[in-house]
Amino acid sequence: MEQVDIIRIPRYVSSEPHAKELIYQLEGFGDASTSAYAEVVYLVVKSQTGTQIQLIASKTRVPP
């Protein structure tokens, strides 16, 4: 808990401003059972200099 103040979660999605060729992909994953389910969505931005992956949304549920 002492390091909780150094955790940073970006609230925006950005990419390299001068990159000419960018490839955007939304990747979604999910898993479920009779007792719970989970989902996650990532944005993958590919450019000539590398790949950036950003978490967009996630959700977990347990039935009542």
PDB file of N, CA and C in Angstrom:
ATOM      1  N   MET A   1       0.810  -1.191   0.000  1.00  0.00           N
ATOM      2  CA  MET A   1       0.000   0.000   0.000  1.00  0.00           C
ATOM      3  C   MET A   1       0.858   1.261   0.000  1.00  0.00           C
ATOM      4  N   GLU A   2       2.105   1.147   0.370  1.00  0.00           N
ATOM      5  CA  GLU A   2       2.958   2.335   0.402  1.00  0.00           C
ATOM      6  C   GLU A   2       3.234   2.877  -0.996  1.00  0.00           C
ATOM      7  N   GLN A   3       3.141   2.018  -2.023  1.00  0.00           N
ATOM      8  CA  GLN A   3       3.443   2.443  -3.390  1.00  0.00           C
ATOM      9  C   GLN A   3       2.195   2.746  -4.202  1.00  0.00           C
ATOM     10  N   VAL A   4       1.040   2.792  -3.590  1.00  0.00           N
ATOM     11  CA  VAL A   4      -0.191   3.000  -4.335  1.00  0.00           C
ATOM     12  C   VAL A   4      -0.216   4.375  -5.011  1.00  0.00           C
ATOM     13  N   ASP A   5       0.479   5.335  -4.492  1.00  0.00           N
ATOM     14  CA  ASP A   5       0.479   6.677  -5.094  1.00  0.00           C
ATOM     15  C   ASP A   5       1.318   6.759  -6.365  1.00  0.00           C
ATOM     16  N   ILE A   6       2.100   5.738  -6.690  1.00  0.00           N
ATOM     17  CA  ILE A   6       2.893   5.787  -7.925  1.00  0.00           C
ATOM     18  C   ILE A   6       2.208   5.075  -9.095  1.00  0.00           C
ATOM     19  N   ILE A   7       1.058   4.471  -8.858  1.00  0.00           N
ATOM     20  CA  ILE A   7       0.312   3.800  -9.931  1.00  0.00           C
ATOM     21  C   ILE A   7      -0.362   4.862 -10.783  1.00  0.00           C
ATOM     22  N   ARG A   8      -0.164   4.790 -12.099  1.00  0.00           N
ATOM     23  CA  ARG A   8      -0.752   5.749 -13.036  1.00  0.00           C
ATOM     24  C   ARG A   8      -1.569   4.996 -14.076  1.00  0.00           C
ATOM     25  N   ILE A   9      -2.798   5.437 -14.286  1.00  0.00           N
ATOM     26  CA  ILE A   9      -3.672   4.867 -15.307  1.00  0.00           C
ATOM     27  C   ILE A   9      -4.036   5.992 -16.265  1.00  0.00           C
ATOM     28  N   PRO A  10      -3.598   5.926 -17.525  1.00  0.00           N
ATOM     29  CA  PRO A  10      -3.915   7.005 -18.460  1.00  0.00           C
ATOM     30  C   PRO A  10      -5.412   7.071 -18.735  1.00  0.00           C
ATOM     31  N   ARG A  11      -5.944   8.282 -18.799  1.00  0.00           N
ATOM     32  CA  ARG A  11      -7.377   8.483 -19.033  1.00  0.00           C
ATOM     33  C   ARG A  11      -7.672   8.874 -20.472  1.00  0.00           C
ATOM     34  N   TYR A  12      -6.675   8.832 -21.330  1.00  0.00           N
ATOM     35  CA  TYR A  12      -6.862   9.167 -22.740  1.00  0.00           C
ATOM     36  C   TYR A  12      -6.085   8.183 -23.584  1.00  0.00           C
ATOM     37  N   VAL A  13      -6.449   8.126 -24.846  1.00  0.00           N
ATOM     38  CA  VAL A  13      -5.769   7.249 -25.794  1.00  0.00           C
ATOM     39  C   VAL A  13      -5.048   8.139 -26.776  1.00  0.00           C
ATOM     40  N   SER A  14      -3.753   7.942 -26.910  1.00  0.00           N
ATOM     41  CA  SER A  14      -2.986   8.771 -27.832  1.00  0.00           C
ATOM     42  C   SER A  14      -2.002   7.899 -28.594  1.00  0.00           C
ATOM     43  N   SER A  15      -1.415   8.487 -29.606  1.00  0.00           N
ATOM     44  CA  SER A  15      -0.393   7.800 -30.383  1.00  0.00           C
ATOM     45  C   SER A  15       0.646   8.829 -30.804  1.00  0.00           C
ATOM     46  N   GLU A  16       1.624   8.384 -31.539  1.00  0.00           N
ATOM     47  CA  GLU A  16       2.680   9.282 -31.987  1.00  0.00           C
ATOM     48  C   GLU A  16       2.101  10.323 -32.947  1.00  0.00           C
ATOM     49  N   PRO A  17       2.280  11.601 -32.673  1.00  0.00           N
ATOM     50  CA  PRO A  17       1.626  12.629 -33.504  1.00  0.00           C
ATOM     51  C   PRO A  17       2.166  12.721 -34.926  1.00  0.00           C
ATOM     52  N   HIS A  18       3.390  12.297 -35.161  1.00  0.00           N
ATOM     53  CA  HIS A  18       3.981  12.452 -36.491  1.00  0.00           C
ATOM     54  C   HIS A  18       4.087  11.145 -37.262  1.00  0.00           C
ATOM     55  N   ALA A  19       3.533  10.080 -36.726  1.00  0.00           N
ATOM     56  CA  ALA A  19       3.586   8.795 -37.425  1.00  0.00           C
ATOM     57  C   ALA A  19       2.627   8.822 -38.611  1.00  0.00           C
ATOM     58  N   LYS A  20       3.103   8.383 -39.760  1.00  0.00           N
ATOM     59  CA  LYS A  20       2.272   8.422 -40.966  1.00  0.00           C
ATOM     60  C   LYS A  20       1.410   7.182 -41.116  1.00  0.00           C
ATOM     61  N   GLU A  21       1.934   6.050 -40.764  1.00  0.00           N
ATOM     62  CA  GLU A  21       1.181   4.811 -40.917  1.00  0.00           C
ATOM     63  C   GLU A  21       0.939   4.194 -39.546  1.00  0.00           C
ATOM     64  N   LEU A  22      -0.297   4.294 -39.091  1.00  0.00           N
ATOM     65  CA  LEU A  22      -0.680   3.694 -37.821  1.00  0.00           C
ATOM     66  C   LEU A  22      -1.742   2.643 -38.079  1.00  0.00           C
ATOM     67  N   ILE A  23      -1.659   1.553 -37.369  1.00  0.00           N
ATOM     68  CA  ILE A  23      -2.654   0.494 -37.448  1.00  0.00           C
ATOM     69  C   ILE A  23      -3.299   0.393 -36.071  1.00  0.00           C
ATOM     70  N   TYR A  24      -4.616   0.578 -36.039  1.00  0.00           N
ATOM     71  CA  TYR A  24      -5.364   0.500 -34.797  1.00  0.00           C
ATOM     72  C   TYR A  24      -6.132  -0.820 -34.761  1.00  0.00           C
ATOM     73  N   GLN A  25      -6.061  -1.510 -33.625  1.00  0.00           N
ATOM     74  CA  GLN A  25      -6.802  -2.753 -33.440  1.00  0.00           C
ATOM     75  C   GLN A  25      -7.429  -2.753 -32.049  1.00  0.00           C
ATOM     76  N   LEU A  26      -8.688  -3.134 -31.982  1.00  0.00           N
ATOM     77  CA  LEU A  26      -9.324  -3.381 -30.691  1.00  0.00           C
ATOM     78  C   LEU A  26      -9.265  -4.878 -30.424  1.00  0.00           C
ATOM     79  N   GLU A  27      -8.722  -5.236 -29.294  1.00  0.00           N
ATOM     80  CA  GLU A  27      -8.603  -6.642 -28.908  1.00  0.00           C
ATOM     81  C   GLU A  27      -9.475  -6.869 -27.687  1.00  0.00           C
ATOM     82  N   GLY A  28     -10.346  -7.845 -27.747  1.00  0.00           N
ATOM     83  CA  GLY A  28     -11.202  -8.161 -26.619  1.00  0.00           C
ATOM     84  C   GLY A  28     -11.045  -9.608 -26.199  1.00  0.00           C
ATOM     85  N   PHE A  29     -11.067  -9.830 -24.905  1.00  0.00           N
ATOM     86  CA  PHE A  29     -10.939 -11.174 -24.357  1.00  0.00           C
ATOM     87  C   PHE A  29     -12.006 -11.365 -23.291  1.00  0.00           C
ATOM     88  N   GLY A  30     -12.514 -12.568 -23.190  1.00  0.00           N
ATOM     89  CA  GLY A  30     -13.493 -12.875 -22.167  1.00  0.00           C
ATOM     90  C   GLY A  30     -13.395 -14.324 -21.743  1.00  0.00           C
ATOM     91  N   ASP A  31     -13.842 -14.579 -20.537  1.00  0.00           N
ATOM     92  CA  ASP A  31     -13.867 -15.937 -20.018  1.00  0.00           C
ATOM     93  C   ASP A  31     -15.040 -16.031 -19.047  1.00  0.00           C
ATOM     94  N   ALA A  32     -15.669 -17.173 -19.014  1.00  0.00           N
ATOM     95  CA  ALA A  32     -16.835 -17.331 -18.149  1.00  0.00           C
ATOM     96  C   ALA A  32     -16.927 -18.751 -17.618  1.00  0.00           C
ATOM     97  N   SER A  33     -17.594 -18.866 -16.500  1.00  0.00           N
ATOM     98  CA  SER A  33     -17.924 -20.161 -15.917  1.00  0.00           C
ATOM     99  C   SER A  33     -19.293 -20.008 -15.257  1.00  0.00           C
ATOM    100  N   THR A  34     -19.744 -21.023 -14.576  1.00  0.00           N
ATOM    101  CA  THR A  34     -21.037 -20.909 -13.902  1.00  0.00           C
ATOM    102  C   THR A  34     -20.973 -20.011 -12.678  1.00  0.00           C
ATOM    103  N   SER A  35     -19.759 -19.696 -12.219  1.00  0.00           N
ATOM    104  CA  SER A  35     -19.637 -18.888 -11.002  1.00  0.00           C
ATOM    105  C   SER A  35     -19.170 -17.455 -11.234  1.00  0.00           C
ATOM    106  N   ALA A  36     -18.658 -17.125 -12.422  1.00  0.00           N
ATOM    107  CA  ALA A  36     -18.186 -15.756 -12.661  1.00  0.00           C
ATOM    108  C   ALA A  36     -17.855 -15.567 -14.133  1.00  0.00           C
ATOM    109  N   TYR A  37     -17.678 -14.305 -14.527  1.00  0.00           N
ATOM    110  CA  TYR A  37     -17.163 -14.012 -15.859  1.00  0.00           C
ATOM    111  C   TYR A  37     -16.288 -12.772 -15.809  1.00  0.00           C
ATOM    112  N   ALA A  38     -15.430 -12.624 -16.810  1.00  0.00           N
ATOM    113  CA  ALA A  38     -14.526 -11.476 -16.897  1.00  0.00           C
ATOM    114  C   ALA A  38     -14.351 -11.099 -18.360  1.00  0.00           C
ATOM    115  N   GLU A  39     -14.202  -9.802 -18.610  1.00  0.00           N
ATOM    116  CA  GLU A  39     -13.976  -9.284 -19.961  1.00  0.00           C
ATOM    117  C   GLU A  39     -12.947  -8.169 -19.880  1.00  0.00           C
ATOM    118  N   VAL A  40     -12.205  -8.007 -20.972  1.00  0.00           N
ATOM    119  CA  VAL A  40     -11.240  -6.916 -21.056  1.00  0.00           C
ATOM    120  C   VAL A  40     -11.110  -6.485 -22.519  1.00  0.00           C
ATOM    121  N   VAL A  41     -10.911  -5.185 -22.746  1.00  0.00           N
ATOM    122  CA  VAL A  41     -10.731  -4.639 -24.087  1.00  0.00           C
ATOM    123  C   VAL A  41      -9.481  -3.768 -24.083  1.00  0.00           C
ATOM    124  N   TYR A  42      -8.606  -4.015 -25.052  1.00  0.00           N
ATOM    125  CA  TYR A  42      -7.371  -3.260 -25.220  1.00  0.00           C
ATOM    126  C   TYR A  42      -7.371  -2.586 -26.579  1.00  0.00           C
ATOM    127  N   LEU A  43      -6.679  -1.438 -26.669  1.00  0.00           N
ATOM    128  CA  LEU A  43      -6.401  -0.801 -27.947  1.00  0.00           C
ATOM    129  C   LEU A  43      -4.934  -1.048 -28.262  1.00  0.00           C
ATOM    130  N   VAL A  44      -4.664  -1.610 -29.426  1.00  0.00           N
ATOM    131  CA  VAL A  44      -3.301  -1.869 -29.884  1.00  0.00           C
ATOM    132  C   VAL A  44      -3.017  -0.903 -31.031  1.00  0.00           C
ATOM    133  N   VAL A  45      -1.968  -0.087 -30.881  1.00  0.00           N
ATOM    134  CA  VAL A  45      -1.572   0.870 -31.918  1.00  0.00           C
ATOM    135  C   VAL A  45      -0.188   0.465 -32.401  1.00  0.00           C
ATOM    136  N   LYS A  46      -0.109   0.073 -33.681  1.00  0.00           N
ATOM    137  CA  LYS A  46       1.166  -0.349 -34.272  1.00  0.00           C
ATOM    138  C   LYS A  46       1.676   0.747 -35.196  1.00  0.00           C
ATOM    139  N   SER A  47       2.968   1.056 -35.073  1.00  0.00           N
ATOM    140  CA  SER A  47       3.602   2.042 -35.943  1.00  0.00           C
ATOM    141  C   SER A  47       4.960   1.512 -36.374  1.00  0.00           C
ATOM    142  N   GLN A  48       5.668   2.309 -37.124  1.00  0.00           N
ATOM    143  CA  GLN A  48       6.990   1.900 -37.595  1.00  0.00           C
ATOM    144  C   GLN A  48       7.996   1.799 -36.452  1.00  0.00           C
ATOM    145  N   THR A  49       7.776   2.545 -35.378  1.00  0.00           N
ATOM    146  CA  THR A  49       8.737   2.554 -34.279  1.00  0.00           C
ATOM    147  C   THR A  49       8.408   1.576 -33.159  1.00  0.00           C
ATOM    148  N   GLY A  50       7.205   0.983 -33.184  1.00  0.00           N
ATOM    149  CA  GLY A  50       6.866   0.027 -32.130  1.00  0.00           C
ATOM    150  C   GLY A  50       5.375  -0.157 -31.979  1.00  0.00           C
ATOM    151  N   THR A  51       5.003  -0.787 -30.875  1.00  0.00           N
ATOM    152  CA  THR A  51       3.616  -1.099 -30.583  1.00  0.00           C
ATOM    153  C   THR A  51       3.265  -0.577 -29.202  1.00  0.00           C
ATOM    154  N   GLN A  52       2.096   0.075 -29.112  1.00  0.00           N
ATOM    155  CA  GLN A  52       1.583   0.542 -27.825  1.00  0.00           C
ATOM    156  C   GLN A  52       0.297  -0.212 -27.530  1.00  0.00           C
ATOM    157  N   ILE A  53       0.127  -0.619 -26.278  1.00  0.00           N
ATOM    158  CA  ILE A  53      -1.085  -1.316 -25.858  1.00  0.00           C
ATOM    159  C   ILE A  53      -1.662  -0.556 -24.676  1.00  0.00           C
ATOM    160  N   GLN A  54      -2.961  -0.206 -24.774  1.00  0.00           N
ATOM    161  CA  GLN A  54      -3.611   0.531 -23.700  1.00  0.00           C
ATOM    162  C   GLN A  54      -4.901  -0.155 -23.301  1.00  0.00           C
ATOM    163  N   LEU A  55      -5.118  -0.271 -22.014  1.00  0.00           N
ATOM    164  CA  LEU A  55      -6.345  -0.847 -21.485  1.00  0.00           C
ATOM    165  C   LEU A  55      -7.478   0.147 -21.689  1.00  0.00           C
ATOM    166  N   ILE A  56      -8.571  -0.302 -22.307  1.00  0.00           N
ATOM    167  CA  ILE A  56      -9.729   0.553 -22.539  1.00  0.00           C
ATOM    168  C   ILE A  56     -10.800   0.297 -21.478  1.00  0.00           C
ATOM    169  N   ALA A  57     -11.149  -0.954 -21.250  1.00  0.00           N
ATOM    170  CA  ALA A  57     -12.196  -1.282 -20.274  1.00  0.00           C
ATOM    171  C   ALA A  57     -12.032  -2.708 -19.789  1.00  0.00           C
ATOM    172  N   SER A  58     -12.537  -2.969 -18.590  1.00  0.00           N
ATOM    173  CA  SER A  58     -12.557  -4.326 -18.057  1.00  0.00           C
ATOM    174  C   SER A  58     -13.772  -4.477 -17.155  1.00  0.00           C
ATOM    175  N   LYS A  59     -14.214  -5.712 -16.983  1.00  0.00           N
ATOM    176  CA  LYS A  59     -15.405  -5.963 -16.178  1.00  0.00           C
ATOM    177  C   LYS A  59     -15.351  -7.387 -15.633  1.00  0.00           C
ATOM    178  N   THR A  60     -15.711  -7.558 -14.403  1.00  0.00           N
ATOM    179  CA  THR A  60     -15.862  -8.886 -13.807  1.00  0.00           C
ATOM    180  C   THR A  60     -17.190  -8.938 -13.070  1.00  0.00           C
ATOM    181  N   ARG A  61     -17.780 -10.096 -13.040  1.00  0.00           N
ATOM    182  CA  ARG A  61     -19.062 -10.277 -12.350  1.00  0.00           C
ATOM    183  C   ARG A  61     -19.106 -11.633 -11.682  1.00  0.00           C
ATOM    184  N   VAL A  62     -19.751 -11.643 -10.546  1.00  0.00           N
ATOM    185  CA  VAL A  62     -20.043 -12.878  -9.823  1.00  0.00           C
ATOM    186  C   VAL A  62     -21.551 -12.901  -9.625  1.00  0.00           C
ATOM    187  N   PRO A  63     -22.214 -14.011  -9.926  1.00  0.00           N
ATOM    188  CA  PRO A  63     -23.673 -14.029  -9.773  1.00  0.00           C
ATOM    189  C   PRO A  63     -24.087 -13.848  -8.305  1.00  0.00           C
ATOM    190  N   PRO A  64     -25.259 -13.269  -8.096  1.00  0.00           N
ATOM    191  CA  PRO A  64     -25.718 -13.040  -6.708  1.00  0.00           C
ATOM    192  C   PRO A  64     -26.031 -14.342  -5.988  1.00  0.00           C
TER     193      PRO A  64
END
